[in-house]
Protein backbone atom coordinates (compact mmCIF):
# COMPACT_ATOMS: atom_id res chain seq x y z
CA THR A 1 -11.40 22.15 12.53
CA ALA A 2 -14.22 21.15 14.82
CA ARG A 3 -15.88 18.50 12.54
CA ALA A 4 -12.76 17.23 11.76
CA ILE A 5 -11.84 16.59 16.31
CA ASP A 6 -13.81 13.34 17.12
CA LYS A 7 -15.13 13.22 20.65
CA ASP A 8 -12.85 11.49 21.89
CA GLY A 9 -10.26 14.57 20.94
CA TRP A 10 -8.94 12.38 17.63
CA PHE A 11 -7.96 15.46 15.04
CA HIS A 12 -8.54 14.12 11.87
CA THR A 13 -6.10 15.50 9.70
CA GLY A 14 -6.70 12.73 6.30
CA ASP A 15 -3.94 10.70 7.37
CA MET A 16 -3.70 7.19 8.23
CA GLY A 17 -1.58 5.64 10.74
CA LEU A 18 -1.00 3.23 13.92
CA ILE A 19 0.75 3.01 16.68
CA ARG A 20 3.14 1.11 17.79
CA LEU A 21 3.59 -0.98 20.58
CA ASP A 22 6.41 1.53 21.74
CA GLY A 23 4.26 4.26 21.78
CA HIS A 24 5.31 5.49 18.76
CA MET A 25 3.58 6.66 15.55
CA ARG A 26 4.33 4.91 11.95
CA PHE A 27 3.01 6.97 9.30
CA LEU A 28 0.88 4.83 6.89
CA GLY A 29 -0.80 7.36 4.36
CA ARG A 30 -3.38 9.80 3.11
CA TYR A 31 -7.07 8.83 2.33
CA LYS A 32 -7.51 10.31 -0.45
CA ASP A 33 -4.56 8.33 -2.23
CA MET A 34 -7.86 5.81 -3.43
CA LEU A 35 -7.00 3.14 -6.61
CA LYS A 36 -9.70 2.64 -9.35
CA ILE A 37 -9.65 -0.64 -9.60
CA GLY A 38 -12.55 -2.06 -12.04
CA GLY A 39 -14.96 0.99 -10.93
CA GLU A 40 -13.95 -0.16 -7.15
CA ASN A 41 -12.42 2.33 -5.06
CA VAL A 42 -9.77 0.36 -3.60
CA ASP A 43 -7.25 2.10 -0.25
CA PRO A 44 -4.04 1.32 -0.99
CA MET A 45 -3.34 1.61 3.00
CA GLU A 46 -6.19 -1.30 3.95
CA VAL A 47 -4.12 -3.87 1.56
CA GLU A 48 -1.11 -2.40 2.46
CA ALA A 49 -2.03 -3.07 6.74
CA PHE A 50 -3.59 -7.09 5.13
CA LEU A 51 0.31 -7.11 3.63
CA MET A 52 1.80 -5.97 6.61
CA GLY A 53 -0.22 -8.10 8.79
CA HIS A 54 1.89 -11.38 7.56
CA PRO A 55 4.68 -12.26 9.54
CA ALA A 56 7.55 -12.24 7.09
CA ILE A 57 6.50 -8.29 5.85
CA ASP A 58 7.97 -5.56 8.07
CA VAL A 59 6.63 -2.99 5.75
CA ALA A 60 4.48 -2.57 2.56
CA ALA A 61 2.87 0.12 0.45
CA VAL A 62 1.15 -0.31 -2.76
CA VAL A 63 0.91 1.78 -5.34
CA GLY A 64 -1.54 1.77 -8.88
CA LEU A 65 -0.59 1.07 -12.30
CA THR A 66 -2.53 1.95 -14.83
CA ASP A 67 -4.57 -1.30 -16.64
CA ALA A 68 -5.96 -1.01 -20.32
CA ARG A 69 -9.13 -3.46 -18.72
CA LEU A 70 -9.44 -2.57 -15.32
CA SER A 71 -8.82 0.73 -15.29
CA GLU A 72 -5.25 0.80 -13.03
CA VAL A 73 -4.29 -2.13 -11.15
CA ALA A 74 -2.56 -2.66 -7.28
CA VAL A 75 1.59 -2.82 -7.28
CA ALA A 76 2.98 -3.95 -4.29
CA PHE A 77 6.29 -2.78 -2.61
CA VAL A 78 7.12 -4.79 0.13
CA GLN A 79 10.14 -5.22 2.49
CA LEU A 80 10.46 -8.61 4.77
CA ALA A 81 11.50 -9.12 7.81
CA PRO A 82 14.89 -9.52 9.19
CA GLY A 83 16.07 -12.71 8.33
CA CYS A 84 12.48 -13.81 6.25
CA GLU A 85 12.54 -14.77 2.63
CA LEU A 86 8.87 -14.81 0.64
CA THR A 87 8.06 -14.91 -2.95
CA GLU A 88 5.91 -13.31 -5.21
CA ARG A 89 3.40 -16.19 -5.11
CA GLU A 90 3.81 -16.35 -1.58
CA VAL A 91 2.23 -12.86 -1.02
CA ILE A 92 -0.73 -13.29 -3.86
CA GLU A 93 -1.18 -16.19 -2.34
CA HIS A 94 -1.45 -14.92 1.28
CA CYS A 95 -4.24 -12.86 -0.25
CA ARG A 96 -6.57 -15.27 -2.09
CA GLY A 97 -9.35 -15.71 -0.18
CA ARG A 98 -8.62 -13.29 2.12
CA ILE A 99 -9.02 -10.01 0.29
CA ALA A 100 -11.38 -9.01 -2.66
CA SER A 101 -9.84 -10.33 -5.61
CA PHE A 102 -9.50 -6.09 -7.17
CA LYS A 103 -7.39 -5.49 -4.44
CA ILE A 104 -5.32 -8.41 -4.53
CA PRO A 105 -1.61 -6.62 -6.20
CA ARG A 106 -1.05 -7.80 -10.02
CA HIS A 107 2.56 -7.31 -9.22
CA VAL A 108 5.07 -7.48 -6.06
CA THR A 109 8.56 -5.96 -6.05
CA PHE A 110 10.83 -6.81 -3.31
CA VAL A 111 12.84 -3.42 -1.24
CA ASP A 112 15.68 -2.97 0.93
CA ALA A 113 14.42 0.11 1.30
CA PHE A 114 11.60 2.49 0.67
CA PRO A 115 12.24 6.08 -1.08
CA MET A 116 11.23 8.23 1.87
CA THR A 117 11.52 12.42 2.37
CA SER A 118 12.29 13.75 4.71
CA SER A 119 9.71 13.68 7.00
CA GLY A 120 9.57 9.73 6.99
CA LYS A 121 6.74 9.17 4.24
CA ILE A 122 7.20 6.65 1.72
CA GLN A 123 7.58 8.22 -1.31
CA LYS A 124 4.98 6.86 -3.93
CA VAL A 125 5.82 9.33 -6.38
CA LYS A 126 9.04 7.40 -6.59
CA LEU A 127 7.71 3.60 -6.03
CA ARG A 128 4.57 4.62 -8.57
CA GLU A 129 7.88 5.81 -11.31
CA ARG A 130 9.33 2.44 -10.69
CA ALA A 131 6.38 0.18 -10.94
CA ARG A 132 5.94 1.59 -14.76
CA THR A 133 9.68 0.72 -15.16
CA GLU A 134 9.21 -2.50 -13.95
CA TRP A 135 5.95 -3.71 -15.13
CA ARG A 136 3.80 -3.34 -17.90
CA GLU A 137 1.87 -0.22 -17.91
CA THR A 138 -1.19 -0.80 -20.45
CA PRO A 139 -3.47 2.82 -20.93
CA PRO A 140 -6.84 2.68 -20.84
CA ARG A 141 -9.03 2.10 -23.99
């Protein structure tokens, strides 16, 4: 436990979140949920944080989808900020040139709400299932 507490007294749990302006914390995910895209480790939380930097995006969740060529590709689920509109193409164009090309989501699905656990976490297992249903998953060779 001593190694998990840093010099400032923060306990490192393996979870990632942010402290909102109102002082509340927002849970974003687990560090262990890495995607493997074309041999590169991709932290979905990094892509989510980048996407949520767009003024029209309120919440984003990124999951992996099996791909024959790259082993896995990123799929983003996006909840827009109230009154905002955005297309899949606009989300992908927002990423181009700003994050590594292998991190750019292959697909974007817009949602009104996310499936949540009783403790307020996004149920990424359900998002992966939805991604497999909506987008053709190609098994690795």
